[in-house]
Amino acid sequence: MSSGEIECSNTLEDALDQALPSQAFVYRPVRQRVYSLLLGDGRDGASTCPTVKEWFVYSGNPLRHPDLVRPLQMNIPGGTPNLKLLWLNQEPGIQARRLDALLGCFDLSSSREELQAVENPFKALCCLLIYLFVQVDTLCLEDLHAFIAQALCLQGKSTVQLVDLQLDYIDPRAVQLGSLLVRGLTTLVLVNSACGFPWRMSDFMPWNIFDGKLFHQKYLQAEKGYSVEALVEQNRSRLTKFHTLKSVVCKACVKENRRIVSKQHWRSHQPGRWGRQGSGSHRTSSGYSRAGQGQHWRDQGPGNRQYEPDHWRRYPSSSGLQLRVPDNSA
């Protein structure tokens, strides 16, 4: 961050699935709040607001020029703490301030109590799932079931069992959802580091809470209508934890006016796979929603754009199932 630049030059996204947004945009508001924490947001009397050059790949962006992104004002109870406090202070109560900052980066301060009640290593998973389901309108109940079931079943799987796992077929949407969550985990590493490590890093290492092949299996099962009992492999302990984690995510989403519904309910009330396109809401830094005309992110055009914090809404769209890397031919 000393150079004011950040890059992510690869992603795995499905060009044919228009219902999922690019990772670059899903987590941009989180990164903007981290920039605010690290660089300030111009409210302290500075003549200019700092700008970060983002080199993030997405469909139509060959990465010849960076996107110029400004910090997003944070909404943290008690105000935004300074870095000296977060990084160096060892007083007993400072860990709570660090957690406030972390949740503030995801704009999830209202979910603090629910997340605190979640056992490790599932706090990080629930934090990401709440954020994702609030931001992405087209995620459904079956997606949530698959994410939670794979995390619980992973705890009882050996490496050999995971290697030997066989899938009926590969679903591009499942691949993209898995990639989206893993990118969320790397974003959480950034946030946790910036906030002075309120959570243990080991709690959101992928090998503790996410396996791509296992998630793919649970996704396919959920799509076929498997019961929750079947998803958790008839394990009563997992079933209890499943309902606990699901309740935490769903209740937190309801606070943000996001009700998670099943695929069948969604298809009967929404045209195609576009969800609430055009009338979706964007959560502002105050934590409230506002109506706004959604703009298809492909139409923005890549290269050397300057983004103000309030320009970001929940985009119901996507980029490619192909590994996207920058085009350096120019």
C-alpha atoms as a PDB file:
ATOM      1  CA  MET A   1       0.000   0.000   0.000  1.00  0.00           C
ATOM      2  CA  SER A   2       3.018   2.317   0.287  1.00  0.00           C
ATOM      3  CA  SER A   3       2.905   2.711  -3.492  1.00  0.00           C
ATOM      4  CA  GLY A   4      -0.872   3.088  -3.575  1.00  0.00           C
ATOM      5  CA  GLU A   5      -1.332   0.075  -5.863  1.00  0.00           C
ATOM      6  CA  ILE A   6      -2.911  -3.362  -5.530  1.00  0.00           C
ATOM      7  CA  GLU A   7      -3.280  -6.111  -8.129  1.00  0.00           C
ATOM      8  CA  CYS A   8      -5.140  -9.329  -8.814  1.00  0.00           C
ATOM      9  CA  SER A   9      -4.409 -10.447 -12.348  1.00  0.00           C
ATOM     10  CA  ASN A  10      -6.319 -13.747 -12.457  1.00  0.00           C
ATOM     11  CA  THR A  11      -9.840 -14.981 -11.808  1.00  0.00           C
ATOM     12  CA  LEU A  12     -12.064 -17.941 -12.664  1.00  0.00           C
ATOM     13  CA  GLU A  13     -15.471 -16.786 -13.907  1.00  0.00           C
ATOM     14  CA  ASP A  14     -18.171 -17.919 -16.321  1.00  0.00           C
ATOM     15  CA  ALA A  15     -18.784 -15.721 -19.341  1.00  0.00           C
ATOM     16  CA  LEU A  16     -22.067 -17.514 -20.038  1.00  0.00           C
ATOM     17  CA  ASP A  17     -23.558 -17.069 -16.568  1.00  0.00           C
ATOM     18  CA  GLN A  18     -24.829 -13.505 -16.346  1.00  0.00           C
ATOM     19  CA  ALA A  19     -26.228 -13.976 -12.839  1.00  0.00           C
ATOM     20  CA  LEU A  20     -22.967 -13.797 -10.897  1.00  0.00           C
ATOM     21  CA  PRO A  21     -20.830 -10.654 -10.596  1.00  0.00           C
ATOM     22  CA  SER A  22     -17.081 -10.506 -11.002  1.00  0.00           C
ATOM     23  CA  GLN A  23     -14.944 -11.006  -7.920  1.00  0.00           C
ATOM     24  CA  ALA A  24     -13.273  -7.673  -8.640  1.00  0.00           C
ATOM     25  CA  PHE A  25     -16.534  -5.840  -7.994  1.00  0.00           C
ATOM     26  CA  VAL A  26     -18.022  -8.010  -5.249  1.00  0.00           C
ATOM     27  CA  TYR A  27     -15.185  -7.267  -2.838  1.00  0.00           C
ATOM     28  CA  ARG A  28     -14.297  -3.761  -4.004  1.00  0.00           C
ATOM     29  CA  PRO A  29     -16.346  -2.020  -1.244  1.00  0.00           C
ATOM     30  CA  VAL A  30     -14.407  -4.058   1.339  1.00  0.00           C
ATOM     31  CA  ARG A  31     -11.094  -3.031  -0.190  1.00  0.00           C
ATOM     32  CA  GLN A  32     -12.238   0.592  -0.285  1.00  0.00           C
ATOM     33  CA  ARG A  33     -12.885   0.518   3.460  1.00  0.00           C
ATOM     34  CA  VAL A  34      -9.445  -0.994   4.029  1.00  0.00           C
ATOM     35  CA  TYR A  35      -7.994   1.889   2.008  1.00  0.00           C
ATOM     36  CA  SER A  36      -9.885   4.272   4.288  1.00  0.00           C
ATOM     37  CA  LEU A  37      -8.407   2.570   7.339  1.00  0.00           C
ATOM     38  CA  LEU A  38      -4.846   2.587   5.980  1.00  0.00           C
ATOM     39  CA  LEU A  39      -4.748   5.844   4.019  1.00  0.00           C
ATOM     40  CA  GLY A  40      -7.575   7.958   5.397  1.00  0.00           C
ATOM     41  CA  ASP A  41     -10.652   9.127   3.531  1.00  0.00           C
ATOM     42  CA  GLY A  42      -9.984  12.855   3.232  1.00  0.00           C
ATOM     43  CA  ARG A  43     -12.176  13.850   6.176  1.00  0.00           C
ATOM     44  CA  ASP A  44      -9.258  14.938   8.365  1.00  0.00           C
ATOM     45  CA  GLY A  45      -8.691  18.172   6.494  1.00  0.00           C
ATOM     46  CA  ALA A  46      -6.471  16.749   3.781  1.00  0.00           C
ATOM     47  CA  SER A  47      -6.731  18.727   0.575  1.00  0.00           C
ATOM     48  CA  THR A  48      -7.062  15.626  -1.576  1.00  0.00           C
ATOM     49  CA  CYS A  49      -8.542  12.219  -0.964  1.00  0.00           C
ATOM     50  CA  PRO A  50      -6.023   9.399  -1.543  1.00  0.00           C
ATOM     51  CA  THR A  51      -6.568   7.268  -4.637  1.00  0.00           C
ATOM     52  CA  VAL A  52      -5.522   3.636  -5.039  1.00  0.00           C
ATOM     53  CA  LYS A  53      -4.606   2.118  -8.399  1.00  0.00           C
ATOM     54  CA  GLU A  54      -6.383  -1.223  -8.709  1.00  0.00           C
ATOM     55  CA  TRP A  55      -5.143  -3.726 -11.279  1.00  0.00           C
ATOM     56  CA  PHE A  56      -7.989  -6.233 -11.010  1.00  0.00           C
ATOM     57  CA  VAL A  57      -8.882  -8.438 -13.949  1.00  0.00           C
ATOM     58  CA  TYR A  58     -12.465  -8.817 -15.158  1.00  0.00           C
ATOM     59  CA  SER A  59     -14.130  -9.384 -18.504  1.00  0.00           C
ATOM     60  CA  GLY A  60     -13.206  -6.693 -21.016  1.00  0.00           C
ATOM     61  CA  ASN A  61     -10.347  -5.319 -18.934  1.00  0.00           C
ATOM     62  CA  PRO A  62      -6.884  -6.140 -20.411  1.00  0.00           C
ATOM     63  CA  LEU A  63      -5.180  -4.378 -17.483  1.00  0.00           C
ATOM     64  CA  ARG A  64      -3.434  -1.802 -19.634  1.00  0.00           C
ATOM     65  CA  HIS A  65      -4.523   0.902 -17.193  1.00  0.00           C
ATOM     66  CA  PRO A  66      -5.514   0.737 -13.524  1.00  0.00           C
ATOM     67  CA  ASP A  67      -8.896   1.611 -12.072  1.00  0.00           C
ATOM     68  CA  LEU A  68      -8.518   4.614  -9.767  1.00  0.00           C
ATOM     69  CA  VAL A  69     -10.442   3.824  -6.597  1.00  0.00           C
ATOM     70  CA  ARG A  70     -11.064   6.106  -3.642  1.00  0.00           C
ATOM     71  CA  PRO A  71     -11.515   5.014  -0.015  1.00  0.00           C
ATOM     72  CA  LEU A  72     -14.999   4.387   1.288  1.00  0.00           C
ATOM     73  CA  GLN A  73     -15.979   5.968   4.582  1.00  0.00           C
ATOM     74  CA  MET A  74     -16.365   3.403   7.359  1.00  0.00           C
ATOM     75  CA  ASN A  75     -19.194   3.108   9.848  1.00  0.00           C
ATOM     76  CA  ILE A  76     -17.659   1.798  13.083  1.00  0.00           C
ATOM     77  CA  PRO A  77     -19.199   2.162  16.563  1.00  0.00           C
ATOM     78  CA  GLY A  78     -17.079   4.688  18.445  1.00  0.00           C
ATOM     79  CA  GLY A  79     -15.433   5.979  15.280  1.00  0.00           C
ATOM     80  CA  THR A  80     -12.609   4.684  13.117  1.00  0.00           C
ATOM     81  CA  PRO A  81      -9.552   3.764  15.237  1.00  0.00           C
ATOM     82  CA  ASN A  82      -6.102   4.794  14.073  1.00  0.00           C
ATOM     83  CA  LEU A  83      -3.456   2.301  13.022  1.00  0.00           C
ATOM     84  CA  LYS A  84      -1.282   2.904  16.081  1.00  0.00           C
ATOM     85  CA  LEU A  85      -4.177   1.797  18.254  1.00  0.00           C
ATOM     86  CA  LEU A  86      -4.997  -1.250  16.119  1.00  0.00           C
ATOM     87  CA  TRP A  87      -1.457  -2.459  15.553  1.00  0.00           C
ATOM     88  CA  LEU A  88       0.500  -1.522  18.682  1.00  0.00           C
ATOM     89  CA  ASN A  89      -1.872  -1.121  21.610  1.00  0.00           C
ATOM     90  CA  GLN A  90      -1.944  -4.127  23.949  1.00  0.00           C
ATOM     91  CA  GLU A  91      -4.616  -2.950  26.385  1.00  0.00           C
ATOM     92  CA  PRO A  92      -7.251  -5.562  27.321  1.00  0.00           C
ATOM     93  CA  GLY A  93     -10.157  -3.940  25.475  1.00  0.00           C
ATOM     94  CA  ILE A  94      -8.377  -3.251  22.194  1.00  0.00           C
ATOM     95  CA  GLN A  95      -9.212  -6.640  20.681  1.00  0.00           C
ATOM     96  CA  ALA A  96     -12.876  -5.625  20.651  1.00  0.00           C
ATOM     97  CA  ARG A  97     -11.964  -2.455  18.724  1.00  0.00           C
ATOM     98  CA  ARG A  98     -10.041  -4.564  16.225  1.00  0.00           C
ATOM     99  CA  LEU A  99     -13.091  -6.754  15.692  1.00  0.00           C
ATOM    100  CA  ASP A 100     -15.259  -3.661  15.257  1.00  0.00           C
ATOM    101  CA  ALA A 101     -12.881  -2.476  12.532  1.00  0.00           C
ATOM    102  CA  LEU A 102     -12.926  -5.844  10.762  1.00  0.00           C
ATOM    103  CA  LEU A 103     -16.713  -6.021  10.732  1.00  0.00           C
ATOM    104  CA  GLY A 104     -16.827  -2.370   9.678  1.00  0.00           C
ATOM    105  CA  CYS A 105     -14.787  -3.205   6.579  1.00  0.00           C
ATOM    106  CA  PHE A 106     -17.522  -5.661   5.556  1.00  0.00           C
ATOM    107  CA  ASP A 107     -20.236  -3.232   6.724  1.00  0.00           C
ATOM    108  CA  LEU A 108     -21.482  -5.924   9.107  1.00  0.00           C
ATOM    109  CA  SER A 109     -21.329  -4.119  12.442  1.00  0.00           C
ATOM    110  CA  SER A 110     -24.986  -4.969  13.034  1.00  0.00           C
ATOM    111  CA  SER A 111     -24.119  -8.693  12.944  1.00  0.00           C
ATOM    112  CA  ARG A 112     -21.433  -8.533  15.622  1.00  0.00           C
ATOM    113  CA  GLU A 113     -23.402 -10.330  18.328  1.00  0.00           C
ATOM    114  CA  GLU A 114     -24.461 -13.185  16.051  1.00  0.00           C
ATOM    115  CA  LEU A 115     -20.942 -13.719  14.702  1.00  0.00           C
ATOM    116  CA  GLN A 116     -19.388 -13.658  18.155  1.00  0.00           C
ATOM    117  CA  ALA A 117     -21.598 -16.598  19.130  1.00  0.00           C
ATOM    118  CA  VAL A 118     -20.275 -18.738  16.257  1.00  0.00           C
ATOM    119  CA  GLU A 119     -17.553 -21.237  17.111  1.00  0.00           C
ATOM    120  CA  ASN A 120     -14.212 -21.298  15.336  1.00  0.00           C
ATOM    121  CA  PRO A 121     -13.348 -21.830  12.534  1.00  0.00           C
ATOM    122  CA  PHE A 122     -16.813 -20.950  11.224  1.00  0.00           C
ATOM    123  CA  LYS A 123     -16.888 -17.249  12.189  1.00  0.00           C
ATOM    124  CA  ALA A 124     -14.957 -16.264   9.098  1.00  0.00           C
ATOM    125  CA  LEU A 125     -17.154 -18.427   6.870  1.00  0.00           C
ATOM    126  CA  CYS A 126     -20.350 -16.876   8.263  1.00  0.00           C
ATOM    127  CA  CYS A 127     -18.911 -13.373   7.879  1.00  0.00           C
ATOM    128  CA  LEU A 128     -18.174 -14.008   4.204  1.00  0.00           C
ATOM    129  CA  LEU A 129     -21.500 -15.722   3.548  1.00  0.00           C
ATOM    130  CA  ILE A 130     -23.459 -12.850   5.075  1.00  0.00           C
ATOM    131  CA  TYR A 131     -21.508 -10.353   3.000  1.00  0.00           C
ATOM    132  CA  LEU A 132     -21.878 -12.371  -0.215  1.00  0.00           C
ATOM    133  CA  PHE A 133     -25.584 -13.026   0.156  1.00  0.00           C
ATOM    134  CA  VAL A 134     -26.276  -9.363   0.911  1.00  0.00           C
ATOM    135  CA  GLN A 135     -24.183  -8.177  -2.034  1.00  0.00           C
ATOM    136  CA  VAL A 136     -25.211 -10.763  -4.635  1.00  0.00           C
ATOM    137  CA  ASP A 137     -28.965 -10.957  -5.140  1.00  0.00           C
ATOM    138  CA  THR A 138     -28.828 -14.088  -7.280  1.00  0.00           C
ATOM    139  CA  LEU A 139     -27.476 -16.428  -4.611  1.00  0.00           C
ATOM    140  CA  CYS A 140     -30.159 -18.808  -3.367  1.00  0.00           C
ATOM    141  CA  LEU A 141     -30.882 -21.054  -0.390  1.00  0.00           C
ATOM    142  CA  GLU A 142     -29.384 -24.095  -2.104  1.00  0.00           C
ATOM    143  CA  ASP A 143     -26.091 -22.205  -2.487  1.00  0.00           C
ATOM    144  CA  LEU A 144     -26.088 -21.440   1.235  1.00  0.00           C
ATOM    145  CA  HIS A 145     -26.796 -25.078   2.081  1.00  0.00           C
ATOM    146  CA  ALA A 146     -23.894 -26.234  -0.089  1.00  0.00           C
ATOM    147  CA  PHE A 147     -21.425 -23.760   1.437  1.00  0.00           C
ATOM    148  CA  ILE A 148     -22.331 -24.677   5.020  1.00  0.00           C
ATOM    149  CA  ALA A 149     -22.571 -28.441   4.441  1.00  0.00           C
ATOM    150  CA  GLN A 150     -19.152 -28.665   2.801  1.00  0.00           C
ATOM    151  CA  ALA A 151     -17.518 -26.717   5.644  1.00  0.00           C
ATOM    152  CA  LEU A 152     -19.017 -29.043   8.246  1.00  0.00           C
ATOM    153  CA  CYS A 153     -18.279 -32.253   6.338  1.00  0.00           C
ATOM    154  CA  LEU A 154     -14.719 -31.116   5.629  1.00  0.00           C
ATOM    155  CA  GLN A 155     -13.908 -31.433   9.340  1.00  0.00           C
ATOM    156  CA  GLY A 156     -14.340 -35.209   9.129  1.00  0.00           C
ATOM    157  CA  LYS A 157     -12.631 -35.858   5.800  1.00  0.00           C
ATOM    158  CA  SER A 158      -9.110 -37.143   5.332  1.00  0.00           C
ATOM    159  CA  THR A 159      -6.896 -36.013   2.489  1.00  0.00           C
ATOM    160  CA  VAL A 160      -7.288 -39.421   0.861  1.00  0.00           C
ATOM    161  CA  GLN A 161     -11.083 -39.186   1.017  1.00  0.00           C
ATOM    162  CA  LEU A 162     -11.031 -35.764  -0.630  1.00  0.00           C
ATOM    163  CA  VAL A 163      -8.665 -36.925  -3.359  1.00  0.00           C
ATOM    164  CA  ASP A 164     -10.840 -39.971  -4.090  1.00  0.00           C
ATOM    165  CA  LEU A 165     -14.056 -37.943  -4.220  1.00  0.00           C
ATOM    166  CA  GLN A 166     -15.798 -38.379  -7.585  1.00  0.00           C
ATOM    167  CA  LEU A 167     -18.201 -35.886  -9.179  1.00  0.00           C
ATOM    168  CA  ASP A 168     -21.001 -36.762 -11.589  1.00  0.00           C
ATOM    169  CA  TYR A 169     -20.175 -33.729 -13.723  1.00  0.00           C
ATOM    170  CA  ILE A 170     -18.682 -30.238 -13.512  1.00  0.00           C
ATOM    171  CA  ASP A 171     -21.064 -27.316 -13.120  1.00  0.00           C
ATOM    172  CA  PRO A 172     -19.490 -23.973 -14.176  1.00  0.00           C
ATOM    173  CA  ARG A 173     -21.582 -22.045 -11.644  1.00  0.00           C
ATOM    174  CA  ALA A 174     -20.273 -24.210  -8.806  1.00  0.00           C
ATOM    175  CA  VAL A 175     -16.705 -23.543  -9.942  1.00  0.00           C
ATOM    176  CA  GLN A 176     -17.315 -19.804  -9.977  1.00  0.00           C
ATOM    177  CA  LEU A 177     -19.029 -19.822  -6.578  1.00  0.00           C
ATOM    178  CA  GLY A 178     -16.111 -21.715  -5.082  1.00  0.00           C
ATOM    179  CA  SER A 179     -13.658 -19.280  -6.625  1.00  0.00           C
ATOM    180  CA  LEU A 180     -15.727 -16.369  -5.315  1.00  0.00           C
ATOM    181  CA  LEU A 181     -15.553 -17.693  -1.758  1.00  0.00           C
ATOM    182  CA  VAL A 182     -11.811 -18.368  -1.938  1.00  0.00           C
ATOM    183  CA  ARG A 183     -11.256 -14.812  -3.162  1.00  0.00           C
ATOM    184  CA  GLY A 184     -13.287 -13.735  -0.148  1.00  0.00           C
ATOM    185  CA  LEU A 185     -10.925 -15.632   2.122  1.00  0.00           C
ATOM    186  CA  THR A 186      -7.918 -13.844   0.624  1.00  0.00           C
ATOM    187  CA  THR A 187      -9.774 -10.554   1.095  1.00  0.00           C
ATOM    188  CA  LEU A 188     -10.377 -11.507   4.714  1.00  0.00           C
ATOM    189  CA  VAL A 189      -6.641 -12.040   5.152  1.00  0.00           C
ATOM    190  CA  LEU A 190      -6.115  -8.453   3.956  1.00  0.00           C
ATOM    191  CA  VAL A 191      -8.798  -7.086   6.279  1.00  0.00           C
ATOM    192  CA  ASN A 192      -7.675  -9.087   9.309  1.00  0.00           C
ATOM    193  CA  SER A 193      -4.084  -7.914   8.825  1.00  0.00           C
ATOM    194  CA  ALA A 194      -5.094  -4.265   8.421  1.00  0.00           C
ATOM    195  CA  CYS A 195      -7.198  -4.419  11.594  1.00  0.00           C
ATOM    196  CA  GLY A 196      -4.469  -5.861  13.825  1.00  0.00           C
ATOM    197  CA  PHE A 197      -5.513  -9.533  13.718  1.00  0.00           C
ATOM    198  CA  PRO A 198      -8.771  -9.707  15.685  1.00  0.00           C
ATOM    199  CA  TRP A 199      -9.225 -13.274  14.362  1.00  0.00           C
ATOM    200  CA  ARG A 200      -6.697 -16.071  14.143  1.00  0.00           C
ATOM    201  CA  MET A 201      -5.380 -16.433  10.611  1.00  0.00           C
ATOM    202  CA  SER A 202      -5.682 -20.216  10.805  1.00  0.00           C
ATOM    203  CA  ASP A 203      -9.471 -19.916  11.143  1.00  0.00           C
ATOM    204  CA  PHE A 204      -9.869 -18.821   7.550  1.00  0.00           C
ATOM    205  CA  MET A 205      -7.224 -20.835   5.827  1.00  0.00           C
ATOM    206  CA  PRO A 206      -9.041 -22.699   3.022  1.00  0.00           C
ATOM    207  CA  TRP A 207      -7.975 -26.151   4.222  1.00  0.00           C
ATOM    208  CA  ASN A 208      -9.925 -25.555   7.451  1.00  0.00           C
ATOM    209  CA  ILE A 209     -13.246 -24.361   6.022  1.00  0.00           C
ATOM    210  CA  PHE A 210     -13.345 -24.910   2.262  1.00  0.00           C
ATOM    211  CA  ASP A 211     -12.557 -27.620  -0.257  1.00  0.00           C
ATOM    212  CA  GLY A 212     -13.499 -26.993  -3.874  1.00  0.00           C
ATOM    213  CA  LYS A 213     -14.273 -30.579  -4.845  1.00  0.00           C
ATOM    214  CA  LEU A 214     -16.320 -31.225  -1.694  1.00  0.00           C
ATOM    215  CA  PHE A 215     -18.236 -27.993  -2.262  1.00  0.00           C
ATOM    216  CA  HIS A 216     -18.912 -29.063  -5.837  1.00  0.00           C
ATOM    217  CA  GLN A 217     -20.369 -32.338  -4.588  1.00  0.00           C
ATOM    218  CA  LYS A 218     -22.614 -30.580  -2.071  1.00  0.00           C
ATOM    219  CA  TYR A 219     -23.661 -28.026  -4.688  1.00  0.00           C
ATOM    220  CA  LEU A 220     -24.741 -30.755  -7.113  1.00  0.00           C
ATOM    221  CA  GLN A 221     -26.596 -32.547  -4.333  1.00  0.00           C
ATOM    222  CA  ALA A 222     -28.388 -29.378  -3.251  1.00  0.00           C
ATOM    223  CA  GLU A 223     -29.337 -28.680  -6.871  1.00  0.00           C
ATOM    224  CA  LYS A 224     -30.903 -32.156  -7.046  1.00  0.00           C
ATOM    225  CA  GLY A 225     -33.013 -31.430  -3.971  1.00  0.00           C
ATOM    226  CA  TYR A 226     -31.131 -33.467  -1.374  1.00  0.00           C
ATOM    227  CA  SER A 227     -32.362 -32.995   2.189  1.00  0.00           C
ATOM    228  CA  VAL A 228     -30.188 -31.210   4.731  1.00  0.00           C
ATOM    229  CA  GLU A 229     -29.720 -34.529   6.514  1.00  0.00           C
ATOM    230  CA  ALA A 230     -28.279 -36.029   3.341  1.00  0.00           C
ATOM    231  CA  LEU A 231     -26.045 -33.006   2.739  1.00  0.00           C
ATOM    232  CA  VAL A 232     -24.416 -33.446   6.158  1.00  0.00           C
ATOM    233  CA  GLU A 233     -24.173 -37.205   5.583  1.00  0.00           C
ATOM    234  CA  GLN A 234     -26.702 -38.222   8.249  1.00  0.00           C
ATOM    235  CA  ASN A 235     -24.533 -36.863  11.067  1.00  0.00           C
ATOM    236  CA  ARG A 236     -26.613 -35.470  13.955  1.00  0.00           C
ATOM    237  CA  SER A 237     -23.858 -33.270  15.331  1.00  0.00           C
ATOM    238  CA  ARG A 238     -23.296 -31.694  11.923  1.00  0.00           C
ATOM    239  CA  LEU A 239     -27.042 -31.272  11.463  1.00  0.00           C
ATOM    240  CA  THR A 240     -27.300 -29.240  14.674  1.00  0.00           C
ATOM    241  CA  LYS A 241     -24.347 -27.072  13.673  1.00  0.00           C
ATOM    242  CA  PHE A 242     -25.793 -26.688  10.174  1.00  0.00           C
ATOM    243  CA  HIS A 243     -29.029 -25.185  11.457  1.00  0.00           C
ATOM    244  CA  THR A 244     -27.111 -22.928  13.861  1.00  0.00           C
ATOM    245  CA  LEU A 245     -24.867 -21.515  11.120  1.00  0.00           C
ATOM    246  CA  LYS A 246     -27.747 -21.179   8.671  1.00  0.00           C
ATOM    247  CA  SER A 247     -29.758 -19.256  11.267  1.00  0.00           C
ATOM    248  CA  VAL A 248     -26.867 -16.850  11.886  1.00  0.00           C
ATOM    249  CA  VAL A 249     -26.489 -16.071   8.181  1.00  0.00           C
ATOM    250  CA  CYS A 250     -30.207 -15.780   7.450  1.00  0.00           C
ATOM    251  CA  LYS A 251     -30.955 -13.545  10.454  1.00  0.00           C
ATOM    252  CA  ALA A 252     -28.062 -11.235   9.608  1.00  0.00           C
ATOM    253  CA  CYS A 253     -29.242 -10.985   6.001  1.00  0.00           C
ATOM    254  CA  VAL A 254     -32.791 -10.151   7.102  1.00  0.00           C
ATOM    255  CA  LYS A 255     -31.358  -7.167   8.996  1.00  0.00           C
ATOM    256  CA  GLU A 256     -30.103  -5.922   5.631  1.00  0.00           C
ATOM    257  CA  ASN A 257     -33.468  -6.509   3.906  1.00  0.00           C
ATOM    258  CA  ARG A 258     -32.166  -9.617   2.152  1.00  0.00           C
ATOM    259  CA  ARG A 259     -34.322 -12.728   2.427  1.00  0.00           C
ATOM    260  CA  ILE A 260     -32.637 -15.861   1.119  1.00  0.00           C
ATOM    261  CA  VAL A 261     -35.110 -17.978  -0.839  1.00  0.00           C
ATOM    262  CA  SER A 262     -34.939 -21.306  -2.621  1.00  0.00           C
ATOM    263  CA  LYS A 263     -34.190 -21.637  -6.310  1.00  0.00           C
ATOM    264  CA  GLN A 264     -37.749 -22.793  -6.998  1.00  0.00           C
ATOM    265  CA  HIS A 265     -39.271 -19.755  -5.283  1.00  0.00           C
ATOM    266  CA  TRP A 266     -36.841 -17.439  -7.054  1.00  0.00           C
ATOM    267  CA  ARG A 267     -37.547 -18.808 -10.519  1.00  0.00           C
ATOM    268  CA  SER A 268     -41.294 -18.487 -10.002  1.00  0.00           C
ATOM    269  CA  HIS A 269     -40.999 -14.816  -9.026  1.00  0.00           C
ATOM    270  CA  GLN A 270     -38.033 -13.564 -11.090  1.00  0.00           C
ATOM    271  CA  PRO A 271     -37.525 -13.587 -14.888  1.00  0.00           C
ATOM    272  CA  GLY A 272     -34.594 -15.739 -15.994  1.00  0.00           C
ATOM    273  CA  ARG A 273     -31.504 -15.729 -13.765  1.00  0.00           C
ATOM    274  CA  TRP A 274     -31.205 -11.986 -13.315  1.00  0.00           C
ATOM    275  CA  GLY A 275     -32.660 -11.626  -9.830  1.00  0.00           C
ATOM    276  CA  ARG A 276     -33.494  -8.040  -8.941  1.00  0.00           C
ATOM    277  CA  GLN A 277     -31.612  -6.463 -11.807  1.00  0.00           C
ATOM    278  CA  GLY A 278     -32.084  -2.734 -12.157  1.00  0.00           C
ATOM    279  CA  SER A 279     -33.934  -2.321  -8.883  1.00  0.00           C
ATOM    280  CA  GLY A 280     -31.369  -3.802  -6.578  1.00  0.00           C
ATOM    281  CA  SER A 281     -29.947  -1.831  -3.688  1.00  0.00           C
ATOM    282  CA  HIS A 282     -26.460  -0.884  -2.622  1.00  0.00           C
ATOM    283  CA  ARG A 283     -25.600  -0.727   1.036  1.00  0.00           C
ATOM    284  CA  THR A 284     -24.048   2.636   1.767  1.00  0.00           C
ATOM    285  CA  SER A 285     -21.477   3.264   4.471  1.00  0.00           C
ATOM    286  CA  SER A 286     -24.280   4.168   6.867  1.00  0.00           C
ATOM    287  CA  GLY A 287     -25.492   0.584   6.738  1.00  0.00           C
ATOM    288  CA  TYR A 288     -28.814   1.361   5.123  1.00  0.00           C
ATOM    289  CA  SER A 289     -30.060   0.457   1.665  1.00  0.00           C
ATOM    290  CA  ARG A 290     -31.142   2.788  -1.034  1.00  0.00           C
ATOM    291  CA  ALA A 291     -32.832   2.153  -4.327  1.00  0.00           C
ATOM    292  CA  GLY A 292     -30.695   2.670  -7.393  1.00  0.00           C
ATOM    293  CA  GLN A 293     -30.720   1.848 -11.056  1.00  0.00           C
ATOM    294  CA  GLY A 294     -28.190  -0.942 -11.500  1.00  0.00           C
ATOM    295  CA  GLN A 295     -25.620  -0.560 -14.256  1.00  0.00           C
ATOM    296  CA  HIS A 296     -24.378  -3.646 -16.037  1.00  0.00           C
ATOM    297  CA  TRP A 297     -20.716  -3.749 -15.056  1.00  0.00           C
ATOM    298  CA  ARG A 298     -19.634  -4.851 -18.545  1.00  0.00           C
ATOM    299  CA  ASP A 299     -20.860  -1.527 -19.894  1.00  0.00           C
ATOM    300  CA  GLN A 300     -18.479   0.513 -17.753  1.00  0.00           C
ATOM    301  CA  GLY A 301     -15.477  -0.034 -20.015  1.00  0.00           C
ATOM    302  CA  PRO A 302     -11.995  -0.746 -18.642  1.00  0.00           C
ATOM    303  CA  GLY A 303      -9.008   1.403 -18.019  1.00  0.00           C
ATOM    304  CA  ASN A 304      -7.987   4.435 -15.988  1.00  0.00           C
ATOM    305  CA  ARG A 305     -11.418   5.129 -14.507  1.00  0.00           C
ATOM    306  CA  GLN A 306     -11.873   6.943 -11.260  1.00  0.00           C
ATOM    307  CA  TYR A 307     -14.438   5.475  -8.891  1.00  0.00           C
ATOM    308  CA  GLU A 308     -16.217   7.337  -6.144  1.00  0.00           C
ATOM    309  CA  PRO A 309     -17.443   5.243  -3.203  1.00  0.00           C
ATOM    310  CA  ASP A 310     -21.143   5.842  -3.863  1.00  0.00           C
ATOM    311  CA  HIS A 311     -20.943   4.538  -7.420  1.00  0.00           C
ATOM    312  CA  TRP A 312     -21.034   0.908  -6.319  1.00  0.00           C
ATOM    313  CA  ARG A 313     -24.226  -1.070  -6.356  1.00  0.00           C
ATOM    314  CA  ARG A 314     -24.912  -4.772  -6.291  1.00  0.00           C
ATOM    315  CA  TYR A 315     -24.304  -5.873  -9.842  1.00  0.00           C
ATOM    316  CA  PRO A 316     -26.246  -8.984 -10.896  1.00  0.00           C
ATOM    317  CA  SER A 317     -23.757  -9.971 -13.580  1.00  0.00           C
ATOM    318  CA  SER A 318     -20.514 -11.830 -14.276  1.00  0.00           C
ATOM    319  CA  SER A 319     -17.235 -12.366 -16.124  1.00  0.00           C
ATOM    320  CA  GLY A 320     -15.733 -15.786 -17.473  1.00  0.00           C
ATOM    321  CA  LEU A 321     -15.621 -19.897 -16.925  1.00  0.00           C
ATOM    322  CA  GLN A 322     -12.151 -19.528 -18.036  1.00  0.00           C
ATOM    323  CA  LEU A 323      -9.052 -18.403 -16.244  1.00  0.00           C
ATOM    324  CA  ARG A 324      -8.829 -14.688 -16.929  1.00  0.00           C
ATOM    325  CA  VAL A 325      -5.354 -13.190 -17.118  1.00  0.00           C
ATOM    326  CA  PRO A 326      -4.305  -9.804 -18.447  1.00  0.00           C
ATOM    327  CA  ASP A 327      -3.711  -9.275 -22.133  1.00  0.00           C
ATOM    328  CA  ASN A 328      -0.187  -7.902 -22.344  1.00  0.00           C
ATOM    329  CA  SER A 329      -0.009  -7.891 -26.122  1.00  0.00           C
ATOM    330  CA  ALA A 330      -0.423  -4.132 -26.316  1.00  0.00           C
END
